[in-house]
């Protein structure tokens, strides 16, 4: 898959091609291709079991006010010329919370002005959002979309640049699932060397 360094759908029965298409579409739709480095999906319909293991590229750094727009401080006022509207709404909330709603104005789509308050010298460095905070939620949601319907018993984990999601209709025996997950990580990491 474009954007992934490793992508495999392993199935004990036919259907791997369908899951390949579904996974590709879901990761593209959720804009996760730049974040997921490797993905190994294991499906055993007889068990029934669905396991997705993955490796994550380092998440993007926190978005700061200076990433959203250029800040010009002049005559006790600040003007932010918005260059990237992606995080504009979130930035406005941060500014309102820290400076007060009455002191922050948006006269048009590409301009935010701050007045009637002392302008902090570090305003350009204020954190607007940290994409890493929502990464796990986004990944798990995407994998849930890929997984078969009705697989309500699940285990999931994220940390240290790795994630896994295991789902079944039945109770998930920890030893079996741990062994399957560990094996998929070994395969992925070996292929990336």
N, C-alpha and C. Protein backbone atom coordinates (compact mmCIF):
# COMPACT_ATOMS: atom_id res chain seq x y z
N UNK A 1 0.85 -1.17 0.00
CA UNK A 1 0.00 0.00 0.00
C UNK A 1 0.90 1.23 0.00
N UNK A 2 0.54 2.22 -0.78
CA UNK A 2 1.31 3.45 -0.85
C UNK A 2 1.33 4.12 0.52
N UNK A 3 2.50 4.51 0.99
CA UNK A 3 2.64 5.16 2.28
C UNK A 3 3.08 4.23 3.39
N UNK A 4 2.84 2.96 3.24
CA UNK A 4 3.27 1.98 4.23
C UNK A 4 4.54 1.29 3.75
N UNK A 5 5.47 1.07 4.67
CA UNK A 5 6.68 0.34 4.33
C UNK A 5 6.43 -1.17 4.34
N UNK A 6 5.39 -1.60 5.05
CA UNK A 6 5.05 -3.03 5.14
C UNK A 6 3.54 -3.12 5.31
N UNK A 7 2.90 -3.96 4.49
CA UNK A 7 1.46 -4.18 4.61
C UNK A 7 1.14 -5.58 4.15
N UNK A 8 0.57 -6.37 5.05
CA UNK A 8 0.20 -7.76 4.73
C UNK A 8 -1.16 -8.05 5.35
N UNK A 9 -2.00 -8.72 4.57
CA UNK A 9 -3.24 -9.28 5.09
C UNK A 9 -3.09 -10.79 4.99
N UNK A 10 -3.09 -11.44 6.14
CA UNK A 10 -2.90 -12.89 6.22
C UNK A 10 -4.22 -13.51 6.67
N UNK A 11 -4.72 -14.46 5.88
CA UNK A 11 -5.99 -15.09 6.21
C UNK A 11 -5.88 -16.59 6.04
N UNK A 12 -6.55 -17.32 6.92
CA UNK A 12 -6.55 -18.78 6.83
C UNK A 12 -7.51 -19.25 5.75
N UNK A 13 -8.37 -18.36 5.27
CA UNK A 13 -9.31 -18.69 4.19
C UNK A 13 -9.29 -17.57 3.16
N UNK A 14 -10.08 -17.74 2.10
CA UNK A 14 -10.18 -16.68 1.10
C UNK A 14 -10.73 -15.41 1.74
N UNK A 15 -10.42 -14.30 1.15
CA UNK A 15 -10.94 -13.04 1.66
C UNK A 15 -9.86 -12.02 1.95
N UNK A 16 -8.59 -12.43 1.85
CA UNK A 16 -7.50 -11.50 2.13
C UNK A 16 -7.53 -10.30 1.18
N UNK A 17 -7.87 -10.55 -0.08
CA UNK A 17 -7.93 -9.45 -1.05
C UNK A 17 -8.98 -8.41 -0.65
N UNK A 18 -10.13 -8.88 -0.17
CA UNK A 18 -11.18 -7.95 0.26
C UNK A 18 -10.72 -7.10 1.45
N UNK A 19 -10.06 -7.75 2.42
CA UNK A 19 -9.57 -7.00 3.58
C UNK A 19 -8.45 -6.05 3.18
N UNK A 20 -7.67 -6.42 2.18
CA UNK A 20 -6.62 -5.54 1.67
C UNK A 20 -7.26 -4.26 1.13
N UNK A 21 -8.31 -4.41 0.34
CA UNK A 21 -9.01 -3.25 -0.22
C UNK A 21 -9.67 -2.41 0.87
N UNK A 22 -10.30 -3.07 1.82
CA UNK A 22 -10.98 -2.36 2.90
C UNK A 22 -9.96 -1.57 3.73
N UNK A 23 -8.88 -2.24 4.12
CA UNK A 23 -7.86 -1.58 4.94
C UNK A 23 -7.24 -0.40 4.21
N UNK A 24 -6.94 -0.57 2.94
CA UNK A 24 -6.37 0.52 2.15
C UNK A 24 -7.31 1.71 2.13
N UNK A 25 -8.56 1.45 1.86
CA UNK A 25 -9.56 2.52 1.78
C UNK A 25 -9.74 3.23 3.12
N UNK A 26 -9.84 2.46 4.20
CA UNK A 26 -10.06 3.04 5.52
C UNK A 26 -8.87 3.90 5.95
N UNK A 27 -7.66 3.39 5.77
CA UNK A 27 -6.47 4.16 6.17
C UNK A 27 -6.34 5.44 5.34
N UNK A 28 -6.69 5.37 4.06
CA UNK A 28 -6.66 6.57 3.24
C UNK A 28 -7.74 7.56 3.69
N UNK A 29 -8.95 7.07 3.91
CA UNK A 29 -10.07 7.93 4.32
C UNK A 29 -9.80 8.62 5.66
N UNK A 30 -9.11 7.92 6.57
CA UNK A 30 -8.83 8.47 7.89
C UNK A 30 -7.48 9.19 7.95
N UNK A 31 -6.84 9.33 6.79
CA UNK A 31 -5.57 10.04 6.67
C UNK A 31 -4.51 9.51 7.65
N UNK A 32 -4.39 8.20 7.70
CA UNK A 32 -3.44 7.56 8.60
C UNK A 32 -2.23 6.96 7.87
N UNK A 33 -2.19 7.08 6.55
CA UNK A 33 -1.08 6.48 5.81
C UNK A 33 0.27 7.11 6.15
N UNK A 34 0.29 8.37 6.50
CA UNK A 34 1.57 9.01 6.83
C UNK A 34 2.01 8.66 8.24
N UNK A 35 1.11 8.12 9.04
CA UNK A 35 1.42 7.81 10.44
C UNK A 35 1.76 6.34 10.63
N UNK A 36 1.06 5.45 9.93
CA UNK A 36 1.29 4.01 10.07
C UNK A 36 2.44 3.60 9.17
N UNK A 37 3.47 3.05 9.76
CA UNK A 37 4.64 2.60 8.99
C UNK A 37 4.44 1.17 8.48
N UNK A 38 3.85 0.33 9.34
CA UNK A 38 3.67 -1.07 8.98
C UNK A 38 2.35 -1.57 9.57
N UNK A 39 1.69 -2.46 8.83
CA UNK A 39 0.42 -3.02 9.28
C UNK A 39 0.35 -4.48 8.85
N UNK A 40 0.04 -5.34 9.80
CA UNK A 40 -0.14 -6.77 9.52
C UNK A 40 -1.51 -7.16 10.07
N UNK A 41 -2.38 -7.60 9.18
CA UNK A 41 -3.71 -8.03 9.58
C UNK A 41 -3.77 -9.54 9.46
N UNK A 42 -4.24 -10.18 10.53
CA UNK A 42 -4.37 -11.64 10.58
C UNK A 42 -5.84 -11.95 10.82
N UNK A 43 -6.39 -12.82 9.95
CA UNK A 43 -7.80 -13.18 10.06
C UNK A 43 -7.93 -14.70 10.06
N UNK A 44 -8.63 -15.22 11.05
CA UNK A 44 -8.91 -16.65 11.12
C UNK A 44 -10.42 -16.80 11.34
N UNK A 45 -11.20 -16.96 10.26
CA UNK A 45 -12.66 -17.06 10.40
C UNK A 45 -13.12 -18.27 11.21
N UNK A 46 -12.33 -19.33 11.26
CA UNK A 46 -12.72 -20.53 12.00
C UNK A 46 -12.66 -20.30 13.51
N UNK A 47 -11.79 -19.45 13.96
CA UNK A 47 -11.58 -19.23 15.40
C UNK A 47 -12.80 -18.60 16.07
N UNK A 48 -13.44 -17.57 15.65
CA UNK A 48 -13.08 -16.51 14.72
C UNK A 48 -12.21 -15.46 15.43
N UNK A 49 -11.24 -14.92 14.67
CA UNK A 49 -10.30 -13.97 15.24
C UNK A 49 -9.83 -12.99 14.18
N UNK A 50 -9.75 -11.73 14.56
CA UNK A 50 -9.20 -10.67 13.73
C UNK A 50 -8.14 -9.97 14.57
N UNK A 51 -6.91 -9.89 14.03
CA UNK A 51 -5.82 -9.21 14.74
C UNK A 51 -5.16 -8.24 13.78
N UNK A 52 -4.98 -7.01 14.23
CA UNK A 52 -4.22 -6.02 13.47
C UNK A 52 -3.07 -5.56 14.35
N UNK A 53 -1.86 -5.67 13.84
CA UNK A 53 -0.68 -5.18 14.55
C UNK A 53 -0.03 -4.14 13.66
N UNK A 54 0.53 -3.13 14.27
CA UNK A 54 1.14 -2.07 13.47
C UNK A 54 2.26 -1.35 14.16
N UNK A 55 3.08 -0.73 13.34
CA UNK A 55 4.16 0.13 13.82
C UNK A 55 3.85 1.55 13.38
N UNK A 56 4.13 2.50 14.24
CA UNK A 56 3.78 3.90 14.01
C UNK A 56 5.05 4.72 13.80
N UNK A 57 4.97 5.61 12.82
CA UNK A 57 6.04 6.59 12.66
C UNK A 57 5.90 7.61 13.79
N UNK A 58 6.99 8.28 14.14
CA UNK A 58 6.85 9.29 15.20
C UNK A 58 5.79 10.31 14.82
N UNK A 59 4.86 10.59 15.74
CA UNK A 59 3.79 11.53 15.41
C UNK A 59 4.34 12.94 15.21
N UNK A 60 3.58 13.70 14.48
CA UNK A 60 3.93 15.09 14.21
C UNK A 60 4.02 15.87 15.52
N UNK A 61 4.91 16.83 15.57
CA UNK A 61 5.07 17.65 16.76
C UNK A 61 3.80 18.45 17.03
N UNK A 62 3.70 18.96 18.23
CA UNK A 62 2.54 19.76 18.60
C UNK A 62 2.41 20.96 17.67
N UNK A 63 1.17 21.31 17.38
CA UNK A 63 0.86 22.46 16.53
C UNK A 63 0.83 23.70 17.42
N UNK A 64 1.55 24.72 17.01
CA UNK A 64 1.64 25.97 17.77
C UNK A 64 0.95 27.09 17.01
N UNK A 65 0.72 28.21 17.69
CA UNK A 65 0.08 29.36 17.06
C UNK A 65 0.83 29.75 15.80
N UNK A 66 2.17 29.72 15.84
CA UNK A 66 2.98 30.10 14.67
C UNK A 66 2.79 29.14 13.50
N UNK A 67 2.32 27.91 13.76
CA UNK A 67 2.03 26.96 12.67
C UNK A 67 0.71 27.31 11.98
N UNK A 68 -0.18 27.95 12.70
CA UNK A 68 -1.48 28.31 12.15
C UNK A 68 -1.39 29.62 11.35
N UNK A 69 -0.58 30.56 11.85
CA UNK A 69 -0.46 31.84 11.15
C UNK A 69 0.70 32.68 11.66
N UNK A 70 0.99 33.74 10.93
CA UNK A 70 2.05 34.68 11.32
C UNK A 70 1.49 35.69 12.30
N UNK A 71 2.24 35.93 13.36
CA UNK A 71 1.81 36.85 14.41
C UNK A 71 2.57 38.16 14.28
N UNK A 72 1.82 39.25 14.24
CA UNK A 72 2.41 40.59 14.20
C UNK A 72 1.89 41.35 15.40
N UNK A 73 2.81 41.79 16.28
CA UNK A 73 2.44 42.56 17.46
C UNK A 73 2.85 44.01 17.20
N UNK A 74 1.87 44.90 17.32
CA UNK A 74 2.11 46.30 17.02
C UNK A 74 1.12 47.17 17.78
N UNK A 75 1.62 48.20 18.45
CA UNK A 75 0.78 49.16 19.17
C UNK A 75 -0.15 48.48 20.19
N UNK A 76 0.36 47.49 20.90
CA UNK A 76 -0.42 46.82 21.94
C UNK A 76 -1.48 45.88 21.43
N UNK A 77 -1.49 45.62 20.14
CA UNK A 77 -2.44 44.67 19.54
C UNK A 77 -1.65 43.58 18.82
N UNK A 78 -2.27 42.44 18.66
CA UNK A 78 -1.66 41.35 17.89
C UNK A 78 -2.61 40.99 16.75
N UNK A 79 -2.02 40.75 15.60
CA UNK A 79 -2.79 40.29 14.44
C UNK A 79 -2.18 38.98 13.98
N UNK A 80 -3.01 37.99 13.83
CA UNK A 80 -2.55 36.69 13.33
C UNK A 80 -3.11 36.53 11.92
N UNK A 81 -2.19 36.48 10.95
CA UNK A 81 -2.58 36.23 9.56
C UNK A 81 -2.61 34.73 9.36
N UNK A 82 -3.81 34.17 9.29
CA UNK A 82 -4.00 32.72 9.24
C UNK A 82 -3.54 32.17 7.89
N UNK A 83 -2.63 31.23 7.95
CA UNK A 83 -2.13 30.59 6.74
C UNK A 83 -2.64 29.17 6.57
N UNK A 84 -3.01 28.52 7.69
CA UNK A 84 -3.50 27.14 7.67
C UNK A 84 -4.75 27.08 8.53
N UNK A 85 -5.90 26.95 7.88
CA UNK A 85 -7.18 26.94 8.59
C UNK A 85 -7.48 25.63 9.32
N UNK A 86 -6.66 24.62 9.10
CA UNK A 86 -6.92 23.30 9.68
C UNK A 86 -7.15 23.37 11.18
N UNK A 87 -6.32 24.14 11.87
CA UNK A 87 -6.40 24.20 13.33
C UNK A 87 -6.92 25.55 13.84
N UNK A 88 -7.55 26.33 12.97
CA UNK A 88 -8.03 27.65 13.34
C UNK A 88 -9.04 27.60 14.48
N UNK A 89 -10.03 26.74 14.40
CA UNK A 89 -11.05 26.66 15.45
C UNK A 89 -10.44 26.28 16.79
N UNK A 90 -9.50 25.35 16.77
CA UNK A 90 -8.85 24.94 18.01
C UNK A 90 -8.01 26.09 18.57
N UNK A 91 -7.31 26.82 17.69
CA UNK A 91 -6.50 27.95 18.13
C UNK A 91 -7.37 29.02 18.76
N UNK A 92 -8.52 29.29 18.15
CA UNK A 92 -9.43 30.29 18.72
C UNK A 92 -9.85 29.91 20.13
N UNK A 93 -10.16 28.65 20.36
CA UNK A 93 -10.54 28.19 21.71
C UNK A 93 -9.41 28.42 22.71
N UNK A 94 -8.17 28.12 22.29
CA UNK A 94 -7.01 28.34 23.16
C UNK A 94 -6.88 29.82 23.48
N UNK A 95 -6.98 30.67 22.47
CA UNK A 95 -6.86 32.11 22.69
C UNK A 95 -7.98 32.63 23.59
N UNK A 96 -9.20 32.18 23.35
CA UNK A 96 -10.33 32.60 24.18
C UNK A 96 -10.12 32.19 25.64
N UNK A 97 -9.68 30.95 25.84
CA UNK A 97 -9.48 30.45 27.20
C UNK A 97 -8.38 31.21 27.94
N UNK A 98 -7.32 31.55 27.23
CA UNK A 98 -6.17 32.17 27.89
C UNK A 98 -6.26 33.70 27.94
N UNK A 99 -6.93 34.31 26.96
CA UNK A 99 -6.95 35.77 26.88
C UNK A 99 -8.33 36.38 27.07
N UNK A 100 -9.35 35.55 27.07
CA UNK A 100 -10.71 36.04 27.22
C UNK A 100 -11.40 36.22 25.88
N UNK A 101 -12.63 35.79 25.80
CA UNK A 101 -13.39 35.81 24.56
C UNK A 101 -13.55 37.23 24.01
N UNK A 102 -13.73 38.20 24.91
CA UNK A 102 -13.94 39.59 24.48
C UNK A 102 -12.69 40.23 23.89
N UNK A 103 -11.53 39.65 24.13
CA UNK A 103 -10.27 40.24 23.66
C UNK A 103 -9.78 39.64 22.35
N UNK A 104 -10.45 38.61 21.87
CA UNK A 104 -10.05 37.93 20.63
C UNK A 104 -11.17 38.07 19.61
N UNK A 105 -10.81 38.56 18.44
CA UNK A 105 -11.82 38.79 17.40
C UNK A 105 -11.34 38.17 16.09
N UNK A 106 -12.28 37.74 15.29
CA UNK A 106 -11.97 37.20 13.97
C UNK A 106 -12.78 37.97 12.94
N UNK A 107 -12.23 39.10 12.45
CA UNK A 107 -12.99 39.93 11.51
C UNK A 107 -13.23 39.26 10.16
N UNK A 108 -12.35 38.35 9.78
CA UNK A 108 -12.56 37.59 8.55
C UNK A 108 -11.88 36.24 8.68
N UNK A 109 -12.03 35.45 7.69
CA UNK A 109 -11.58 34.06 7.70
C UNK A 109 -10.07 33.90 7.90
N UNK A 110 -9.30 34.89 7.46
CA UNK A 110 -7.85 34.78 7.49
C UNK A 110 -7.18 35.71 8.50
N UNK A 111 -7.96 36.29 9.40
CA UNK A 111 -7.40 37.24 10.35
C UNK A 111 -7.98 37.02 11.74
N UNK A 112 -7.10 37.03 12.73
CA UNK A 112 -7.51 37.00 14.13
C UNK A 112 -6.80 38.17 14.80
N UNK A 113 -7.55 38.98 15.54
CA UNK A 113 -6.94 40.11 16.24
C UNK A 113 -7.12 39.95 17.74
N UNK A 114 -6.12 40.42 18.47
CA UNK A 114 -6.16 40.38 19.93
C UNK A 114 -5.90 41.80 20.40
N UNK A 115 -6.80 42.31 21.24
CA UNK A 115 -6.65 43.67 21.75
C UNK A 115 -7.23 43.75 23.16
N UNK A 116 -7.03 44.92 23.80
CA UNK A 116 -7.54 45.20 25.14
C UNK A 116 -6.94 44.29 26.22
N UNK A 117 -5.80 43.69 25.92
CA UNK A 117 -5.13 42.83 26.89
C UNK A 117 -3.64 42.87 26.57
N UNK A 118 -2.81 42.64 27.58
CA UNK A 118 -1.37 42.61 27.33
C UNK A 118 -1.05 41.37 26.48
N UNK A 119 -0.32 41.58 25.40
CA UNK A 119 0.01 40.49 24.48
C UNK A 119 1.22 39.73 25.04
N UNK A 120 1.05 38.45 25.34
CA UNK A 120 2.17 37.66 25.85
C UNK A 120 3.30 37.58 24.82
N UNK A 121 4.53 37.67 25.30
CA UNK A 121 5.68 37.65 24.38
C UNK A 121 5.87 36.28 23.73
N UNK A 122 5.35 35.24 24.36
CA UNK A 122 5.53 33.88 23.83
C UNK A 122 4.30 33.35 23.10
N UNK A 123 3.40 34.23 22.69
CA UNK A 123 2.13 33.79 22.09
C UNK A 123 2.35 32.90 20.86
N UNK A 124 3.39 33.15 20.09
CA UNK A 124 3.66 32.33 18.90
C UNK A 124 3.95 30.87 19.27
N UNK A 125 4.47 30.66 20.47
CA UNK A 125 4.86 29.32 20.91
C UNK A 125 3.75 28.57 21.65
N UNK A 126 2.62 29.21 21.84
CA UNK A 126 1.52 28.54 22.55
C UNK A 126 1.08 27.30 21.78
N UNK A 127 0.90 26.21 22.51
CA UNK A 127 0.45 24.97 21.90
C UNK A 127 -1.05 25.06 21.59
N UNK A 128 -1.38 24.75 20.35
CA UNK A 128 -2.78 24.74 19.92
C UNK A 128 -3.35 23.34 20.11
N UNK A 129 -2.63 22.34 19.66
CA UNK A 129 -3.07 20.95 19.82
C UNK A 129 -1.87 20.03 19.64
N UNK A 130 -2.00 18.83 20.19
CA UNK A 130 -0.96 17.82 20.03
C UNK A 130 -1.59 16.63 19.30
N UNK A 131 -1.26 16.45 18.01
CA UNK A 131 -1.86 15.36 17.24
C UNK A 131 -1.65 13.98 17.85
N UNK A 132 -0.58 13.81 18.61
CA UNK A 132 -0.31 12.50 19.21
C UNK A 132 -1.39 12.10 20.21
N UNK A 133 -2.06 13.09 20.82
CA UNK A 133 -3.08 12.79 21.82
C UNK A 133 -4.28 12.04 21.23
N UNK A 134 -4.63 12.33 19.99
CA UNK A 134 -5.80 11.68 19.40
C UNK A 134 -5.41 10.51 18.49
N UNK A 135 -4.12 10.25 18.35
CA UNK A 135 -3.65 9.22 17.43
C UNK A 135 -4.20 7.84 17.77
N UNK A 136 -4.12 7.42 19.03
CA UNK A 136 -4.58 6.10 19.42
C UNK A 136 -6.06 5.94 19.13
N UNK A 137 -6.85 6.95 19.48
CA UNK A 137 -8.29 6.90 19.23
C UNK A 137 -8.58 6.77 17.73
N UNK A 138 -7.86 7.53 16.92
CA UNK A 138 -8.04 7.48 15.46
C UNK A 138 -7.65 6.12 14.90
N UNK A 139 -6.53 5.57 15.38
CA UNK A 139 -6.08 4.25 14.91
C UNK A 139 -7.08 3.16 15.26
N UNK A 140 -7.50 3.14 16.52
CA UNK A 140 -8.43 2.09 16.96
C UNK A 140 -9.76 2.22 16.23
N UNK A 141 -10.24 3.43 16.03
CA UNK A 141 -11.48 3.61 15.28
C UNK A 141 -11.34 3.06 13.86
N UNK A 142 -10.23 3.37 13.21
CA UNK A 142 -10.00 2.90 11.84
C UNK A 142 -9.95 1.37 11.80
N UNK A 143 -9.26 0.76 12.75
CA UNK A 143 -9.15 -0.70 12.76
C UNK A 143 -10.50 -1.34 13.07
N UNK A 144 -11.32 -0.70 13.90
CA UNK A 144 -12.66 -1.21 14.17
C UNK A 144 -13.51 -1.21 12.90
N UNK A 145 -13.30 -0.22 12.05
CA UNK A 145 -14.03 -0.16 10.77
C UNK A 145 -13.58 -1.31 9.86
N UNK A 146 -12.30 -1.65 9.92
CA UNK A 146 -11.75 -2.72 9.08
C UNK A 146 -12.21 -4.09 9.59
N UNK A 147 -12.30 -4.26 10.89
CA UNK A 147 -12.63 -5.56 11.50
C UNK A 147 -14.04 -6.01 11.10
N UNK A 148 -14.27 -7.33 11.12
CA UNK A 148 -15.61 -7.85 10.79
C UNK A 148 -16.66 -7.36 11.78
N UNK A 149 -17.86 -7.17 11.29
CA UNK A 149 -18.98 -6.76 12.14
C UNK A 149 -19.27 -7.88 13.15
N UNK A 150 -19.68 -7.50 14.32
CA UNK A 150 -20.08 -8.47 15.33
C UNK A 150 -18.94 -8.95 16.22
N UNK A 151 -17.72 -8.56 15.93
CA UNK A 151 -16.59 -8.95 16.76
C UNK A 151 -16.49 -7.96 17.92
N UNK A 152 -17.23 -8.23 18.99
CA UNK A 152 -17.37 -7.28 20.09
C UNK A 152 -16.40 -7.53 21.24
N UNK A 153 -15.85 -8.74 21.35
CA UNK A 153 -14.86 -9.02 22.38
C UNK A 153 -13.52 -8.58 21.83
N UNK A 154 -12.87 -7.60 22.49
CA UNK A 154 -11.64 -7.08 21.90
C UNK A 154 -10.62 -6.67 22.96
N UNK A 155 -9.39 -6.63 22.48
CA UNK A 155 -8.25 -6.13 23.27
C UNK A 155 -7.52 -5.15 22.37
N UNK A 156 -7.00 -4.08 22.95
CA UNK A 156 -6.27 -3.10 22.18
C UNK A 156 -5.18 -2.49 23.04
N UNK A 157 -4.11 -2.05 22.38
CA UNK A 157 -3.00 -1.45 23.10
C UNK A 157 -2.24 -0.55 22.14
N UNK A 158 -1.64 0.50 22.71
CA UNK A 158 -0.85 1.45 21.94
C UNK A 158 0.26 1.96 22.83
N UNK A 159 1.47 2.00 22.30
CA UNK A 159 2.59 2.55 23.06
C UNK A 159 3.91 2.16 22.43
N UNK A 160 4.92 2.97 22.66
CA UNK A 160 6.28 2.72 22.17
C UNK A 160 6.31 2.50 20.66
N UNK A 161 5.51 3.26 19.93
CA UNK A 161 5.53 3.17 18.47
C UNK A 161 4.86 1.95 17.90
N UNK A 162 4.06 1.24 18.71
CA UNK A 162 3.38 0.03 18.25
C UNK A 162 1.91 0.07 18.70
N UNK A 163 1.09 -0.68 17.98
CA UNK A 163 -0.29 -0.85 18.43
C UNK A 163 -0.77 -2.23 17.99
N UNK A 164 -1.77 -2.72 18.72
CA UNK A 164 -2.46 -3.93 18.27
C UNK A 164 -3.92 -3.83 18.63
N UNK A 165 -4.70 -4.57 17.87
CA UNK A 165 -6.14 -4.65 18.09
C UNK A 165 -6.53 -6.08 17.78
N UNK A 166 -7.15 -6.75 18.74
CA UNK A 166 -7.61 -8.12 18.54
C UNK A 166 -9.10 -8.17 18.84
N UNK A 167 -9.86 -8.84 17.98
CA UNK A 167 -11.31 -8.89 18.17
C UNK A 167 -11.83 -10.27 17.78
N UNK A 168 -12.91 -10.66 18.45
CA UNK A 168 -13.53 -11.95 18.19
C UNK A 168 -14.99 -11.91 18.61
N UNK A 169 -15.71 -12.96 18.22
CA UNK A 169 -17.07 -13.13 18.73
C UNK A 169 -17.04 -13.83 20.08
N UNK A 170 -15.92 -14.49 20.37
CA UNK A 170 -15.77 -15.31 21.57
C UNK A 170 -14.77 -14.67 22.54
N UNK A 171 -14.66 -15.27 23.70
CA UNK A 171 -13.65 -14.85 24.66
C UNK A 171 -12.28 -15.02 24.03
N UNK A 172 -11.40 -14.07 24.29
CA UNK A 172 -10.06 -14.11 23.71
C UNK A 172 -9.08 -14.70 24.73
N UNK A 173 -8.67 -15.96 24.54
CA UNK A 173 -7.68 -16.54 25.45
C UNK A 173 -6.36 -15.77 25.34
N UNK A 174 -5.93 -15.21 26.47
CA UNK A 174 -4.78 -14.31 26.48
C UNK A 174 -3.53 -14.96 25.88
N UNK A 175 -3.24 -16.20 26.21
CA UNK A 175 -2.02 -16.84 25.71
C UNK A 175 -2.03 -16.97 24.19
N UNK A 176 -3.15 -17.43 23.63
CA UNK A 176 -3.25 -17.58 22.17
C UNK A 176 -3.10 -16.25 21.46
N UNK A 177 -3.83 -15.26 21.93
CA UNK A 177 -3.81 -13.94 21.29
C UNK A 177 -2.43 -13.29 21.44
N UNK A 178 -1.83 -13.38 22.61
CA UNK A 178 -0.49 -12.81 22.83
C UNK A 178 0.53 -13.45 21.89
N UNK A 179 0.41 -14.76 21.70
CA UNK A 179 1.34 -15.48 20.82
C UNK A 179 1.16 -15.01 19.36
N UNK A 180 -0.09 -14.89 18.93
CA UNK A 180 -0.38 -14.44 17.55
C UNK A 180 0.11 -13.01 17.34
N UNK A 181 -0.13 -12.14 18.30
CA UNK A 181 0.31 -10.74 18.20
C UNK A 181 1.83 -10.67 18.16
N UNK A 182 2.49 -11.36 19.08
CA UNK A 182 3.96 -11.33 19.14
C UNK A 182 4.57 -11.83 17.84
N UNK A 183 4.00 -12.89 17.28
CA UNK A 183 4.52 -13.43 16.03
C UNK A 183 4.39 -12.42 14.89
N UNK A 184 3.28 -11.69 14.83
CA UNK A 184 3.08 -10.71 13.76
C UNK A 184 4.06 -9.54 13.90
N UNK A 185 4.38 -9.13 15.12
CA UNK A 185 5.37 -8.08 15.31
C UNK A 185 6.76 -8.54 14.86
N UNK A 186 7.10 -9.79 15.16
CA UNK A 186 8.40 -10.34 14.72
C UNK A 186 8.49 -10.36 13.21
N UNK A 187 7.41 -10.79 12.55
CA UNK A 187 7.39 -10.83 11.09
C UNK A 187 7.55 -9.42 10.50
N UNK A 188 6.78 -8.47 11.04
CA UNK A 188 6.84 -7.09 10.53
C UNK A 188 8.22 -6.49 10.73
N UNK A 189 8.73 -6.58 11.93
CA UNK A 189 10.03 -5.97 12.23
C UNK A 189 11.15 -6.63 11.42
N UNK A 190 11.04 -7.93 11.21
CA UNK A 190 12.03 -8.63 10.38
C UNK A 190 12.00 -8.16 8.93
N UNK A 191 10.81 -7.92 8.41
CA UNK A 191 10.67 -7.48 7.02
C UNK A 191 11.16 -6.05 6.83
N UNK A 192 11.13 -5.24 7.87
CA UNK A 192 11.56 -3.84 7.77
C UNK A 192 13.08 -3.65 7.93
N UNK A 193 13.77 -4.69 8.33
CA UNK A 193 15.24 -4.56 8.53
C UNK A 193 15.95 -4.52 7.21
